[in-house]
Amino acid sequence: MRVKFRIGIYKNGKKLTKKDFQGLRKPLFIGMRYITEFKYLEATKWLFLAEDSHEKYLLLALINESLGQEEQAREFYENAANFPKTTDYEFFKEFPEKGEVLPIRSTSEQLF
């Protein structure tokens, strides 16, 4: 599956891998683990099961945007703005072919 960009998950400046999420059983963290494995469709399933949070909707927006589903992504970005942040994870758009890593600071900064 081709994506426009990869989603990077960071904590305290360190890029996380699937090993960082092993043993965590909440659907949000299982979804994050699948994102680190680039299994975005599987991640979506788990994120839909997660409790409502800023992170849940932001990740769903990023997944949809990376898959080229801009309208769905826009809806998830709007939903993300309605919920508080519950973790200290940071999300980035990664463009390996360009060598760029762009931070996601707020849902209002998105290109839509």
Protein backbone atom coordinates (compact mmCIF):
# COMPACT_ATOMS: atom_id res chain seq x y z
CA MET A 1 0.00 0.00 0.00
CA ARG A 2 1.41 3.38 -0.99
CA VAL A 3 1.12 6.26 1.43
CA LYS A 4 1.82 9.98 1.05
CA PHE A 5 3.89 10.00 4.24
CA ARG A 6 4.72 7.86 7.26
CA ILE A 7 3.50 8.64 10.73
CA GLY A 8 6.20 8.92 13.39
CA ILE A 9 5.39 8.63 17.09
CA TYR A 10 7.85 10.21 19.51
CA LYS A 11 8.12 10.55 23.27
CA ASN A 12 10.69 12.80 24.96
CA GLY A 13 12.43 13.30 21.60
CA LYS A 14 12.84 9.55 20.95
CA LYS A 15 11.19 7.84 18.00
CA LEU A 16 9.18 4.90 19.28
CA THR A 17 9.10 1.40 17.82
CA LYS A 18 6.74 -1.51 18.28
CA LYS A 19 8.83 -2.73 21.22
CA ASP A 20 7.97 0.44 23.12
CA PHE A 21 4.27 -0.51 22.99
CA GLN A 22 4.59 -4.21 23.83
CA GLY A 23 2.72 -5.10 26.98
CA LEU A 24 0.39 -2.10 26.73
CA ARG A 25 -3.17 -3.39 26.36
CA LYS A 26 -5.28 -0.27 25.82
CA PRO A 27 -6.66 -0.03 22.27
CA LEU A 28 -5.00 3.38 21.77
CA PHE A 29 -1.56 1.93 22.44
CA ILE A 30 -2.21 -1.17 20.34
CA GLY A 31 -3.19 1.16 17.50
CA MET A 32 0.02 3.13 18.01
CA ARG A 33 2.02 -0.10 17.88
CA TYR A 34 0.48 -0.97 14.52
CA ILE A 35 1.31 2.52 13.25
CA THR A 36 4.97 1.94 14.12
CA GLU A 37 4.74 -1.25 12.03
CA PHE A 38 3.17 0.72 9.11
CA LYS A 39 0.00 -1.40 9.38
CA TYR A 40 -2.34 1.57 9.12
CA LEU A 41 -5.56 -0.34 8.41
CA GLU A 42 -5.06 -2.59 11.43
CA ALA A 43 -4.21 0.48 13.51
CA THR A 44 -7.49 2.09 12.44
CA LYS A 45 -9.48 -0.85 13.80
CA TRP A 46 -7.86 -0.51 17.22
CA LEU A 47 -8.15 3.27 17.29
CA PHE A 48 -11.90 3.01 16.70
CA LEU A 49 -12.07 0.88 19.87
CA ALA A 50 -10.06 3.40 21.91
CA GLU A 51 -11.61 5.94 24.25
CA ASP A 52 -12.22 9.37 22.75
CA SER A 53 -9.13 11.55 22.98
CA HIS A 54 -7.18 14.11 20.99
CA GLU A 55 -4.59 11.46 20.13
CA LYS A 56 -7.18 8.99 18.83
CA TYR A 57 -8.72 11.42 16.37
CA LEU A 58 -5.40 12.98 15.38
CA LEU A 59 -3.97 9.56 14.53
CA LEU A 60 -7.10 8.63 12.58
CA ALA A 61 -6.78 11.91 10.67
CA LEU A 62 -3.11 11.28 9.91
CA ILE A 63 -3.82 7.73 8.73
CA ASN A 64 -6.59 8.89 6.42
CA GLU A 65 -4.52 11.78 5.09
CA SER A 66 -1.55 9.49 4.41
CA LEU A 67 -3.85 7.15 2.48
CA GLY A 68 -5.19 10.04 0.37
CA GLN A 69 -8.61 10.22 2.00
CA GLU A 70 -8.63 13.96 2.61
CA GLU A 71 -12.35 14.41 3.36
CA GLN A 72 -12.30 11.76 6.10
CA ALA A 73 -9.04 13.19 7.43
CA ARG A 74 -10.60 16.66 7.68
CA GLU A 75 -13.46 15.27 9.79
CA PHE A 76 -11.04 13.54 12.17
CA TYR A 77 -8.90 16.70 12.49
CA GLU A 78 -12.05 18.61 13.45
CA ASN A 79 -12.98 15.94 16.03
CA ALA A 80 -9.48 15.99 17.51
CA ALA A 81 -9.89 19.66 18.38
CA ASN A 82 -12.87 18.76 20.60
CA PHE A 83 -10.97 16.46 22.95
CA PRO A 84 -8.16 17.00 25.44
CA LYS A 85 -4.72 15.51 24.99
CA THR A 86 -4.32 12.49 27.28
CA THR A 87 -0.70 11.44 26.66
CA ASP A 88 2.68 13.07 26.14
CA TYR A 89 3.29 11.49 22.72
CA GLU A 90 4.18 13.67 19.75
CA PHE A 91 3.29 12.88 16.15
CA PHE A 92 5.23 13.68 12.98
CA LYS A 93 4.74 13.36 9.25
CA GLU A 94 7.83 11.66 7.86
CA PHE A 95 8.85 11.91 4.19
CA PRO A 96 11.81 9.52 3.92
CA GLU A 97 12.39 10.17 0.21
CA LYS A 98 12.82 13.91 0.94
CA GLY A 99 14.53 13.48 4.29
CA GLU A 100 11.85 15.62 5.98
CA VAL A 101 10.16 15.18 9.33
CA LEU A 102 7.33 17.62 10.06
CA PRO A 103 5.87 17.97 13.57
CA ILE A 104 2.11 18.00 14.10
CA ARG A 105 1.57 20.79 16.62
CA SER A 106 -2.16 21.38 16.40
CA THR A 107 -5.06 20.33 14.25
CA SER A 108 -5.58 23.89 13.03
CA GLU A 109 -2.13 23.88 11.36
CA GLN A 110 -3.05 21.12 8.92
CA LEU A 111 -3.06 21.81 5.21
CA PHE A 112 -6.82 21.44 4.80
